[in-house]
C-alpha atoms as a PDB file:
ATOM      1  CA  MET A   1      11.232   7.033 -32.533  1.00  0.00           C
ATOM      2  CA  ASP A   2      11.890  10.886 -33.317  1.00  0.00           C
ATOM      3  CA  GLN A   3      15.522  11.159 -32.006  1.00  0.00           C
ATOM      4  CA  GLY A   4      14.622  14.300 -30.182  1.00  0.00           C
ATOM      5  CA  ILE A   5      11.648  12.508 -28.231  1.00  0.00           C
ATOM      6  CA  THR A   6      14.340  10.479 -26.166  1.00  0.00           C
ATOM      7  CA  GLU A   7      13.405   7.902 -23.658  1.00  0.00           C
ATOM      8  CA  HIS A   8      15.105   9.837 -20.598  1.00  0.00           C
ATOM      9  CA  ARG A   9      13.255  13.110 -21.591  1.00  0.00           C
ATOM     10  CA  LEU A  10      10.032  11.145 -21.379  1.00  0.00           C
ATOM     11  CA  ALA A  11      10.909   9.552 -18.259  1.00  0.00           C
ATOM     12  CA  TYR A  12      11.796  12.949 -16.673  1.00  0.00           C
ATOM     13  CA  LEU A  13       8.541  14.452 -17.908  1.00  0.00           C
ATOM     14  CA  TYR A  14       6.597  11.429 -16.178  1.00  0.00           C
ATOM     15  CA  GLU A  15       8.276  12.245 -12.867  1.00  0.00           C
ATOM     16  CA  VAL A  16       7.404  15.863 -12.806  1.00  0.00           C
ATOM     17  CA  ALA A  17       3.843  15.075 -13.527  1.00  0.00           C
ATOM     18  CA  LEU A  18       3.747  12.426 -10.924  1.00  0.00           C
ATOM     19  CA  HIS A  19       5.170  14.714  -8.350  1.00  0.00           C
ATOM     20  CA  GLY A  20       3.949  17.999  -9.213  1.00  0.00           C
ATOM     21  CA  GLY A  21       6.979  19.914  -9.755  1.00  0.00           C
ATOM     22  CA  VAL A  22      10.641  19.642 -10.936  1.00  0.00           C
ATOM     23  CA  ARG A  23      12.507  19.665  -7.826  1.00  0.00           C
ATOM     24  CA  ALA A  24      10.523  16.892  -5.995  1.00  0.00           C
ATOM     25  CA  ALA A  25      10.737  14.879  -9.394  1.00  0.00           C
ATOM     26  CA  ALA A  26      14.289  15.681  -9.143  1.00  0.00           C
ATOM     27  CA  GLU A  27      14.736  14.100  -5.477  1.00  0.00           C
ATOM     28  CA  SER A  28      12.717  11.143  -6.530  1.00  0.00           C
ATOM     29  CA  VAL A  29      15.172  10.071  -9.398  1.00  0.00           C
ATOM     30  CA  GLY A  30      18.310  11.432  -7.607  1.00  0.00           C
ATOM     31  CA  VAL A  31      19.394  14.203 -10.111  1.00  0.00           C
ATOM     32  CA  ASN A  32      19.755  17.838 -10.092  1.00  0.00           C
ATOM     33  CA  PRO A  33      16.627  19.850 -10.728  1.00  0.00           C
ATOM     34  CA  SER A  34      18.600  21.791 -13.631  1.00  0.00           C
ATOM     35  CA  ALA A  35      19.157  18.661 -15.354  1.00  0.00           C
ATOM     36  CA  ILE A  36      15.402  17.704 -15.344  1.00  0.00           C
ATOM     37  CA  SER A  37      14.621  21.433 -16.626  1.00  0.00           C
ATOM     38  CA  ARG A  38      17.277  21.343 -19.496  1.00  0.00           C
ATOM     39  CA  GLN A  39      15.996  18.143 -20.789  1.00  0.00           C
ATOM     40  CA  ILE A  40      12.337  18.920 -20.867  1.00  0.00           C
ATOM     41  CA  ALA A  41      13.119  22.598 -22.303  1.00  0.00           C
ATOM     42  CA  LEU A  42      15.021  20.635 -25.174  1.00  0.00           C
ATOM     43  CA  LEU A  43      12.131  18.614 -25.652  1.00  0.00           C
ATOM     44  CA  GLU A  44       9.618  21.645 -25.960  1.00  0.00           C
ATOM     45  CA  ARG A  45      12.109  23.132 -28.192  1.00  0.00           C
ATOM     46  CA  HIS A  46      12.289  20.166 -30.586  1.00  0.00           C
ATOM     47  CA  LEU A  47       8.588  19.663 -30.520  1.00  0.00           C
ATOM     48  CA  GLN A  48       7.751  23.252 -30.678  1.00  0.00           C
ATOM     49  CA  ILE A  49       4.987  23.139 -28.153  1.00  0.00           C
ATOM     50  CA  PRO A  50       4.959  23.517 -24.364  1.00  0.00           C
ATOM     51  CA  LEU A  51       4.547  20.512 -22.238  1.00  0.00           C
ATOM     52  CA  LEU A  52       4.334  21.992 -18.959  1.00  0.00           C
ATOM     53  CA  GLU A  53       2.367  24.980 -17.460  1.00  0.00           C
ATOM     54  CA  LYS A  54       2.698  27.045 -13.950  1.00  0.00           C
ATOM     55  CA  GLN A  55      -0.212  26.307 -11.442  1.00  0.00           C
ATOM     56  CA  GLY A  56       0.417  28.130  -8.354  1.00  0.00           C
ATOM     57  CA  ARG A  57       3.602  26.743  -6.835  1.00  0.00           C
ATOM     58  CA  ASN A  58       3.300  23.507  -8.835  1.00  0.00           C
ATOM     59  CA  VAL A  59       3.486  22.739 -12.576  1.00  0.00           C
ATOM     60  CA  ALA A  60       0.782  20.993 -14.667  1.00  0.00           C
ATOM     61  CA  VAL A  61       1.230  18.779 -17.682  1.00  0.00           C
ATOM     62  CA  THR A  62      -0.290  20.375 -20.853  1.00  0.00           C
ATOM     63  CA  GLN A  63      -2.487  18.084 -23.056  1.00  0.00           C
ATOM     64  CA  ALA A  64       0.733  17.423 -25.386  1.00  0.00           C
ATOM     65  CA  GLY A  65       2.629  16.474 -22.495  1.00  0.00           C
ATOM     66  CA  LYS A  66      -0.006  14.006 -21.442  1.00  0.00           C
ATOM     67  CA  LEU A  67       0.226  12.363 -24.840  1.00  0.00           C
ATOM     68  CA  LEU A  68       3.950  11.822 -24.204  1.00  0.00           C
ATOM     69  CA  ILE A  69       3.382  10.513 -20.937  1.00  0.00           C
ATOM     70  CA  GLU A  70       0.787   8.096 -22.043  1.00  0.00           C
ATOM     71  CA  HIS A  71       2.998   6.979 -24.707  1.00  0.00           C
ATOM     72  CA  HIS A  72       5.942   6.514 -22.400  1.00  0.00           C
ATOM     73  CA  ARG A  73       3.729   4.218 -19.979  1.00  0.00           C
ATOM     74  CA  GLU A  74       2.559   1.963 -22.983  1.00  0.00           C
ATOM     75  CA  MET A  75       6.156   1.830 -24.057  1.00  0.00           C
ATOM     76  CA  LEU A  76       7.356   0.717 -20.524  1.00  0.00           C
ATOM     77  CA  TYR A  77       4.308  -1.749 -20.373  1.00  0.00           C
ATOM     78  CA  ARG A  78       5.274  -3.437 -23.529  1.00  0.00           C
ATOM     79  CA  ARG A  79       8.784  -3.624 -22.835  1.00  0.00           C
ATOM     80  CA  ARG A  80       7.805  -5.634 -19.514  1.00  0.00           C
ATOM     81  CA  GLN A  81       5.281  -7.465 -21.269  1.00  0.00           C
ATOM     82  CA  LEU A  82       7.886  -8.614 -23.726  1.00  0.00           C
ATOM     83  CA  ALA A  83      10.361  -9.387 -20.761  1.00  0.00           C
ATOM     84  CA  GLU A  84       7.735 -11.325 -19.229  1.00  0.00           C
ATOM     85  CA  THR A  85       6.762 -13.439 -22.110  1.00  0.00           C
ATOM     86  CA  LEU A  86      10.209 -14.323 -23.007  1.00  0.00           C
ATOM     87  CA  GLN A  87      10.832 -15.253 -19.364  1.00  0.00           C
ATOM     88  CA  ASP A  88       7.915 -17.391 -19.522  1.00  0.00           C
ATOM     89  CA  MET A  89       9.154 -19.033 -22.803  1.00  0.00           C
ATOM     90  CA  ARG A  90      12.337 -19.983 -21.190  1.00  0.00           C
ATOM     91  CA  HIS A  91      11.386 -20.946 -17.767  1.00  0.00           C
ATOM     92  CA  LEU A  92       7.462 -21.544 -17.320  1.00  0.00           C
ATOM     93  CA  ARG A  93       7.709 -22.043 -13.548  1.00  0.00           C
ATOM     94  CA  ARG A  94      10.602 -19.304 -12.700  1.00  0.00           C
ATOM     95  CA  GLY A  95      10.854 -15.685 -12.821  1.00  0.00           C
ATOM     96  CA  SER A  96      10.120 -13.134 -10.017  1.00  0.00           C
ATOM     97  CA  VAL A  97       6.852 -11.709  -8.394  1.00  0.00           C
ATOM     98  CA  SER A  98       6.843  -8.421  -6.542  1.00  0.00           C
ATOM     99  CA  LEU A  99       4.182  -7.163  -4.143  1.00  0.00           C
ATOM    100  CA  ARG A 100       3.855  -4.774  -1.220  1.00  0.00           C
ATOM    101  CA  VAL A 101       2.201  -5.826   1.879  1.00  0.00           C
ATOM    102  CA  GLY A 102       0.719  -3.694   4.815  1.00  0.00           C
ATOM    103  CA  GLN A 103       2.882  -3.970   7.814  1.00  0.00           C
ATOM    104  CA  GLY A 104       0.001  -5.483   9.941  1.00  0.00           C
ATOM    105  CA  MET A 105      -0.707  -8.255   7.435  1.00  0.00           C
ATOM    106  CA  ILE A 106       2.938  -9.575   7.049  1.00  0.00           C
ATOM    107  CA  SER A 107       2.802 -12.532   9.398  1.00  0.00           C
ATOM    108  CA  GLU A 108      -0.704 -13.584   7.913  1.00  0.00           C
ATOM    109  CA  PHE A 109       0.838 -13.437   4.560  1.00  0.00           C
ATOM    110  CA  VAL A 110       3.863 -15.482   5.173  1.00  0.00           C
ATOM    111  CA  GLU A 111       2.099 -17.878   7.484  1.00  0.00           C
ATOM    112  CA  GLY A 112      -0.772 -18.507   4.848  1.00  0.00           C
ATOM    113  CA  PRO A 113      -0.598 -17.517   1.268  1.00  0.00           C
ATOM    114  CA  LEU A 114       3.053 -17.397   0.809  1.00  0.00           C
ATOM    115  CA  GLN A 115       3.517 -20.941   2.313  1.00  0.00           C
ATOM    116  CA  GLN A 116       1.361 -22.408  -0.225  1.00  0.00           C
ATOM    117  CA  PHE A 117       2.560 -20.378  -3.207  1.00  0.00           C
ATOM    118  CA  SER A 118       6.025 -21.409  -2.313  1.00  0.00           C
ATOM    119  CA  ALA A 119       5.388 -24.935  -2.596  1.00  0.00           C
ATOM    120  CA  ASP A 120       3.816 -24.675  -5.831  1.00  0.00           C
ATOM    121  CA  TYR A 121       6.253 -22.531  -7.221  1.00  0.00           C
ATOM    122  CA  PRO A 122       9.441 -23.087  -5.476  1.00  0.00           C
ATOM    123  CA  ASP A 123      11.888 -21.467  -7.877  1.00  0.00           C
ATOM    124  CA  VAL A 124      10.114 -18.190  -8.210  1.00  0.00           C
ATOM    125  CA  PHE A 125      12.023 -15.196  -6.549  1.00  0.00           C
ATOM    126  CA  VAL A 126       9.272 -13.182  -4.261  1.00  0.00           C
ATOM    127  CA  ASP A 127      10.319  -9.707  -3.772  1.00  0.00           C
ATOM    128  CA  ILE A 128       8.221  -8.406  -0.616  1.00  0.00           C
ATOM    129  CA  HIS A 129       8.100  -4.843   0.484  1.00  0.00           C
ATOM    130  CA  SER A 130       5.827  -2.629   3.003  1.00  0.00           C
ATOM    131  CA  GLY A 131       4.990   0.722   2.065  1.00  0.00           C
ATOM    132  CA  ASN A 132       1.895   3.108   2.490  1.00  0.00           C
ATOM    133  CA  MET A 133      -1.004   3.281  -0.268  1.00  0.00           C
ATOM    134  CA  SER A 134      -0.145   6.312  -2.095  1.00  0.00           C
ATOM    135  CA  GLU A 135       3.738   4.791  -2.733  1.00  0.00           C
ATOM    136  CA  THR A 136       2.248   1.643  -3.615  1.00  0.00           C
ATOM    137  CA  ILE A 137      -0.153   2.819  -6.126  1.00  0.00           C
ATOM    138  CA  ASN A 138       2.559   5.077  -7.724  1.00  0.00           C
ATOM    139  CA  MET A 139       4.760   2.079  -7.820  1.00  0.00           C
ATOM    140  CA  MET A 140       2.237  -0.204  -9.565  1.00  0.00           C
ATOM    141  CA  LEU A 141       1.440   2.358 -12.086  1.00  0.00           C
ATOM    142  CA  ARG A 142       4.809   2.625 -12.971  1.00  0.00           C
ATOM    143  CA  GLY A 143       5.267  -1.275 -13.377  1.00  0.00           C
ATOM    144  CA  LYS A 144       7.631  -1.694 -10.532  1.00  0.00           C
ATOM    145  CA  VAL A 145       5.153  -3.879  -8.513  1.00  0.00           C
ATOM    146  CA  ASP A 146       2.950  -6.556  -9.528  1.00  0.00           C
ATOM    147  CA  MET A 147       0.382  -6.296  -6.830  1.00  0.00           C
ATOM    148  CA  ALA A 148      -0.548  -5.219  -3.305  1.00  0.00           C
ATOM    149  CA  ILE A 149      -2.158  -6.268  -0.100  1.00  0.00           C
ATOM    150  CA  SER A 150      -3.356  -3.112   1.845  1.00  0.00           C
ATOM    151  CA  PHE A 151      -5.718  -2.006   4.705  1.00  0.00           C
ATOM    152  CA  GLY A 152      -7.446   1.156   5.213  1.00  0.00           C
ATOM    153  CA  PRO A 153      -9.478   3.769   3.041  1.00  0.00           C
ATOM    154  CA  LEU A 154      -8.597   3.368  -0.554  1.00  0.00           C
ATOM    155  CA  GLY A 155     -10.583   6.021  -2.421  1.00  0.00           C
ATOM    156  CA  ASP A 156     -10.857   5.460  -6.140  1.00  0.00           C
ATOM    157  CA  PRO A 157      -7.378   4.933  -7.698  1.00  0.00           C
ATOM    158  CA  PRO A 158      -6.940   3.735 -11.208  1.00  0.00           C
ATOM    159  CA  VAL A 159      -6.048  -0.051 -10.534  1.00  0.00           C
ATOM    160  CA  MET A 160      -8.070  -3.056 -10.107  1.00  0.00           C
ATOM    161  CA  VAL A 161      -9.215  -3.837  -6.665  1.00  0.00           C
ATOM    162  CA  ARG A 162     -10.766  -6.515  -4.560  1.00  0.00           C
ATOM    163  CA  SER A 163     -11.972  -5.490  -1.254  1.00  0.00           C
ATOM    164  CA  PHE A 164     -12.650  -7.841   1.811  1.00  0.00           C
ATOM    165  CA  ASN A 165     -14.000  -7.067   5.354  1.00  0.00           C
ATOM    166  CA  ARG A 166     -11.087  -6.912   7.912  1.00  0.00           C
ATOM    167  CA  GLY A 167     -13.036  -5.490  11.191  1.00  0.00           C
ATOM    168  CA  PRO A 168     -13.367  -5.220  13.928  1.00  0.00           C
ATOM    169  CA  ILE A 169     -10.726  -2.960  14.779  1.00  0.00           C
ATOM    170  CA  CYS A 170      -9.406  -3.827  18.318  1.00  0.00           C
ATOM    171  CA  ALA A 171      -7.742  -2.069  21.221  1.00  0.00           C
ATOM    172  CA  ILE A 172      -4.528  -4.033  22.134  1.00  0.00           C
ATOM    173  CA  VAL A 173      -3.505  -4.273  25.743  1.00  0.00           C
ATOM    174  CA  PRO A 174      -1.744  -6.924  27.944  1.00  0.00           C
ATOM    175  CA  PRO A 175      -3.807  -9.297  29.963  1.00  0.00           C
ATOM    176  CA  HIS A 176      -3.271  -7.632  33.408  1.00  0.00           C
ATOM    177  CA  HIS A 177      -4.365  -4.486  31.900  1.00  0.00           C
ATOM    178  CA  ALA A 178      -7.336  -2.727  33.835  1.00  0.00           C
ATOM    179  CA  LEU A 179      -9.354  -2.780  30.614  1.00  0.00           C
ATOM    180  CA  ALA A 180      -8.392  -6.285  29.489  1.00  0.00           C
ATOM    181  CA  GLY A 181     -11.806  -7.898  30.848  1.00  0.00           C
ATOM    182  CA  LEU A 182     -13.979  -5.721  28.599  1.00  0.00           C
ATOM    183  CA  GLU A 183     -16.026  -7.345  25.981  1.00  0.00           C
ATOM    184  CA  ALA A 184     -15.846  -4.077  23.992  1.00  0.00           C
ATOM    185  CA  ILE A 185     -14.604  -0.691  24.264  1.00  0.00           C
ATOM    186  CA  THR A 186     -16.032   2.910  23.493  1.00  0.00           C
ATOM    187  CA  LEU A 187     -14.210   5.867  22.187  1.00  0.00           C
ATOM    188  CA  GLU A 188     -14.902   7.833  25.201  1.00  0.00           C
ATOM    189  CA  THR A 189     -13.174   5.068  27.394  1.00  0.00           C
ATOM    190  CA  LEU A 190     -10.465   5.097  25.117  1.00  0.00           C
ATOM    191  CA  ALA A 191      -9.781   8.953  24.733  1.00  0.00           C
ATOM    192  CA  PRO A 192      -8.127   9.421  28.142  1.00  0.00           C
ATOM    193  CA  GLN A 193      -5.996   6.508  27.852  1.00  0.00           C
ATOM    194  CA  ARG A 194      -2.355   6.373  26.987  1.00  0.00           C
ATOM    195  CA  LEU A 195      -2.698   5.551  23.196  1.00  0.00           C
ATOM    196  CA  ILE A 196      -0.227   4.332  20.750  1.00  0.00           C
ATOM    197  CA  PHE A 197      -1.040   5.657  17.335  1.00  0.00           C
ATOM    198  CA  MET A 198       0.650   4.832  13.967  1.00  0.00           C
ATOM    199  CA  ALA A 199       1.966   7.162  11.560  1.00  0.00           C
ATOM    200  CA  GLU A 200      -0.689   8.911   9.543  1.00  0.00           C
ATOM    201  CA  GLN A 201      -0.201   6.988   6.433  1.00  0.00           C
ATOM    202  CA  PHE A 202      -1.307   3.654   7.791  1.00  0.00           C
ATOM    203  CA  GLY A 203      -4.794   2.832   6.837  1.00  0.00           C
ATOM    204  CA  ILE A 204      -5.668   1.707  10.567  1.00  0.00           C
ATOM    205  CA  GLN A 205      -4.517   5.281  11.952  1.00  0.00           C
ATOM    206  CA  GLN A 206      -6.755   6.733   9.074  1.00  0.00           C
ATOM    207  CA  TYR A 207      -9.857   4.728  10.453  1.00  0.00           C
ATOM    208  CA  ILE A 208      -8.884   5.507  14.060  1.00  0.00           C
ATOM    209  CA  ASN A 209      -8.612   9.340  13.513  1.00  0.00           C
ATOM    210  CA  GLU A 210     -12.046   9.035  11.750  1.00  0.00           C
ATOM    211  CA  MET A 211     -13.608   7.103  14.404  1.00  0.00           C
ATOM    212  CA  PHE A 212     -12.505   9.712  16.889  1.00  0.00           C
ATOM    213  CA  SER A 213     -13.334  12.653  14.857  1.00  0.00           C
ATOM    214  CA  SER A 214     -16.927  11.111  14.199  1.00  0.00           C
ATOM    215  CA  GLN A 215     -17.412  11.311  17.996  1.00  0.00           C
ATOM    216  CA  ARG A 216     -15.724  15.038  18.082  1.00  0.00           C
ATOM    217  CA  LEU A 217     -12.804  13.559  20.352  1.00  0.00           C
ATOM    218  CA  ALA A 218      -9.321  14.516  19.599  1.00  0.00           C
ATOM    219  CA  PRO A 219      -7.059  12.487  21.854  1.00  0.00           C
ATOM    220  CA  LEU A 220      -3.247  13.133  22.301  1.00  0.00           C
ATOM    221  CA  PRO A 221      -1.351   9.809  21.732  1.00  0.00           C
ATOM    222  CA  ALA A 222       1.602   8.967  24.221  1.00  0.00           C
ATOM    223  CA  TYR A 223       3.279   7.421  21.304  1.00  0.00           C
ATOM    224  CA  GLN A 224       3.517   7.223  17.608  1.00  0.00           C
ATOM    225  CA  CYS A 225       5.135   4.609  15.689  1.00  0.00           C
ATOM    226  CA  ASN A 226       6.023   3.891  12.024  1.00  0.00           C
ATOM    227  CA  HIS A 227       6.520  -0.005  12.666  1.00  0.00           C
ATOM    228  CA  PHE A 228       3.641  -2.183  13.940  1.00  0.00           C
ATOM    229  CA  SER A 229       6.205  -4.437  15.954  1.00  0.00           C
ATOM    230  CA  THR A 230       7.188  -1.210  17.806  1.00  0.00           C
ATOM    231  CA  ALA A 231       3.380  -0.563  18.589  1.00  0.00           C
ATOM    232  CA  ILE A 232       2.739  -4.120  19.771  1.00  0.00           C
ATOM    233  CA  ALA A 233       6.072  -4.044  21.851  1.00  0.00           C
ATOM    234  CA  LEU A 234       4.793  -0.919  23.730  1.00  0.00           C
ATOM    235  CA  ALA A 235       1.314  -2.535  24.257  1.00  0.00           C
ATOM    236  CA  ILE A 236       2.689  -5.908  25.533  1.00  0.00           C
ATOM    237  CA  SER A 237       4.917  -3.873  27.964  1.00  0.00           C
ATOM    238  CA  GLY A 238       1.835  -2.065  29.296  1.00  0.00           C
ATOM    239  CA  LEU A 239       2.949   1.207  28.186  1.00  0.00           C
ATOM    240  CA  GLY A 240       0.031   2.149  26.137  1.00  0.00           C
ATOM    241  CA  ILE A 241      -2.985   0.773  24.097  1.00  0.00           C
ATOM    242  CA  ALA A 242      -2.293   0.004  20.395  1.00  0.00           C
ATOM    243  CA  PHE A 243      -4.879  -0.788  17.902  1.00  0.00           C
ATOM    244  CA  MET A 244      -4.806  -3.799  15.367  1.00  0.00           C
ATOM    245  CA  THR A 245      -7.786  -5.796  13.620  1.00  0.00           C
ATOM    246  CA  ARG A 246      -8.733  -8.841  15.429  1.00  0.00           C
ATOM    247  CA  GLN A 247      -7.706 -10.939  12.524  1.00  0.00           C
ATOM    248  CA  SER A 248      -4.104  -9.518  12.655  1.00  0.00           C
ATOM    249  CA  ALA A 249      -3.987  -9.842  16.428  1.00  0.00           C
ATOM    250  CA  ARG A 250      -5.092 -13.367  16.515  1.00  0.00           C
ATOM    251  CA  PRO A 251      -1.555 -15.103  16.952  1.00  0.00           C
ATOM    252  CA  LEU A 252      -0.631 -12.994  19.939  1.00  0.00           C
ATOM    253  CA  VAL A 253      -4.114 -13.500  21.305  1.00  0.00           C
ATOM    254  CA  ASP A 254      -3.595 -17.202  20.824  1.00  0.00           C
ATOM    255  CA  ARG A 255      -0.211 -16.930  22.600  1.00  0.00           C
ATOM    256  CA  GLY A 256      -1.683 -15.113  25.516  1.00  0.00           C
ATOM    257  CA  ASP A 257       0.666 -12.070  24.826  1.00  0.00           C
ATOM    258  CA  ILE A 258      -2.235  -9.479  24.485  1.00  0.00           C
ATOM    259  CA  VAL A 259      -5.997  -9.259  24.798  1.00  0.00           C
ATOM    260  CA  ALA A 260      -7.771  -7.633  21.610  1.00  0.00           C
ATOM    261  CA  ILE A 261     -10.865  -5.630  22.652  1.00  0.00           C
ATOM    262  CA  PRO A 262     -13.282  -4.632  19.707  1.00  0.00           C
ATOM    263  CA  VAL A 263     -13.909  -0.996  19.344  1.00  0.00           C
ATOM    264  CA  GLU A 264     -17.516   0.133  19.464  1.00  0.00           C
ATOM    265  CA  HIS A 265     -18.032   2.121  16.313  1.00  0.00           C
ATOM    266  CA  PRO A 266     -19.461   1.254  12.946  1.00  0.00           C
ATOM    267  CA  LEU A 267     -16.083   1.687  11.047  1.00  0.00           C
ATOM    268  CA  SER A 268     -14.400  -0.602  13.313  1.00  0.00           C
ATOM    269  CA  HIS A 269     -16.639  -3.449  12.302  1.00  0.00           C
ATOM    270  CA  THR A 270     -16.703  -2.343   8.325  1.00  0.00           C
ATOM    271  CA  ALA A 271     -12.851  -1.674   7.706  1.00  0.00           C
ATOM    272  CA  THR A 272     -11.732  -3.449   4.870  1.00  0.00           C
ATOM    273  CA  CYS A 273      -8.234  -4.595   3.448  1.00  0.00           C
ATOM    274  CA  HIS A 274      -7.585  -4.582  -0.263  1.00  0.00           C
ATOM    275  CA  LEU A 275      -6.009  -6.850  -3.068  1.00  0.00           C
ATOM    276  CA  ILE A 276      -4.776  -4.453  -5.878  1.00  0.00           C
ATOM    277  CA  ARG A 277      -3.249  -5.012  -9.340  1.00  0.00           C
ATOM    278  CA  SER A 278      -2.781  -2.969 -12.307  1.00  0.00           C
ATOM    279  CA  GLN A 279      -5.804  -2.685 -14.806  1.00  0.00           C
ATOM    280  CA  GLY A 280      -5.006  -4.684 -17.839  1.00  0.00           C
ATOM    281  CA  ARG A 281      -1.660  -5.854 -16.558  1.00  0.00           C
ATOM    282  CA  ARG A 282      -0.520  -9.225 -18.003  1.00  0.00           C
ATOM    283  CA  PHE A 283       0.696 -11.549 -15.288  1.00  0.00           C
ATOM    284  CA  THR A 284       3.188 -14.272 -15.444  1.00  0.00           C
ATOM    285  CA  PRO A 285       1.764 -17.485 -14.666  1.00  0.00           C
ATOM    286  CA  ALA A 286       3.437 -17.619 -11.062  1.00  0.00           C
ATOM    287  CA  ALA A 287       2.032 -13.927 -10.434  1.00  0.00           C
ATOM    288  CA  GLU A 288      -1.383 -15.164 -11.420  1.00  0.00           C
ATOM    289  CA  HIS A 289      -1.208 -17.949  -9.308  1.00  0.00           C
ATOM    290  CA  LEU A 290      -0.245 -15.849  -6.384  1.00  0.00           C
ATOM    291  CA  TRP A 291      -3.094 -13.360  -7.080  1.00  0.00           C
ATOM    292  CA  LYS A 292      -5.794 -16.419  -7.056  1.00  0.00           C
ATOM    293  CA  VAL A 293      -3.970 -17.791  -3.703  1.00  0.00           C
ATOM    294  CA  LEU A 294      -4.307 -14.538  -2.008  1.00  0.00           C
ATOM    295  CA  ALA A 295      -7.850 -13.858  -3.209  1.00  0.00           C
ATOM    296  CA  SER A 296      -9.016 -17.168  -2.122  1.00  0.00           C
ATOM    297  CA  SER A 297      -7.286 -16.958   1.389  1.00  0.00           C
ATOM    298  CA  MET A 298      -8.746 -13.166   1.890  1.00  0.00           C
ATOM    299  CA  GLN A 299     -12.191 -14.401   0.836  1.00  0.00           C
ATOM    300  CA  SER A 300     -11.882 -17.424   3.308  1.00  0.00           C
ATOM    301  CA  GLN A 301     -10.747 -15.529   6.107  1.00  0.00           C
ATOM    302  CA  SER A 302     -13.658 -12.895   5.358  1.00  0.00           C
ATOM    303  CA  ALA A 303     -16.179 -15.613   5.055  1.00  0.00           C
ATOM    304  CA  GLY A 304     -14.835 -17.283   8.432  1.00  0.00           C
ATOM    305  CA  LYS A 305     -15.109 -14.022  10.322  1.00  0.00           C
ATOM    306  CA  HIS A 306     -18.721 -13.535   9.482  1.00  0.00           C
ATOM    307  CA  ARG A 307     -19.702 -17.426  10.589  1.00  0.00           C
ATOM    308  CA  ALA A 308     -17.554 -16.798  13.937  1.00  0.00           C
END
């Protein structure tokens, strides 16, 4: 490669494009903004062509900058592909798999697909994290995560997606709650109650917001949480009404800890979860096996729900 087009300069340019500005990119990689500006300026001086341009308060990448970023992505992908191929040659059933799982689906993942996968590939290291959709997609595009299980509205990201029906979304109350005997519950009934909302980036909260908005309701929650375990603890204690899908709530319902009341709204019954991976990404044998196990499990759950 041209000595002026260094890897760390390309990496800085990529981060600026990803975050829409030098300051946000600097915070992401943990360096001073001036360091990023200086390296990109040196790259522009070497190439004698602008790579960034102002767009309001943000910056945008020029066509030349986009070409460099695409080259950087391909280089990272090929490097990882080479490392994975060598790994496979050394240890056909070893290595690692990284994935991100929505908080509300962790228990099901551990108790089902992960148990099967760990029995088939006991020597593979599995790196599991939770996070919101935008973080997950960004990490996937940067090659830092193999696959993800997510719930909620997805949009049209540049990734490979398999979607499965996950509804209905249910109101979660303790067995002694005044509403626990209802077969279903309307948004009008829910609106004046003490509600437990999740942070805005959670898929289920996006569905809840959209359902209330469609009925021109704007309830004020009693609590807002960034962990499902907190929301469920509050609901079990009778301090408010939380929300989960019936599938996610089933273990707690079976133990008698909670009652799950389906919410009466079309979105409640058409809510979807997603299995996501990068387009064109070559998986190791272990990662490919985990993908198939997850797809089979999610397809089976979706089909079983419709038969029930």
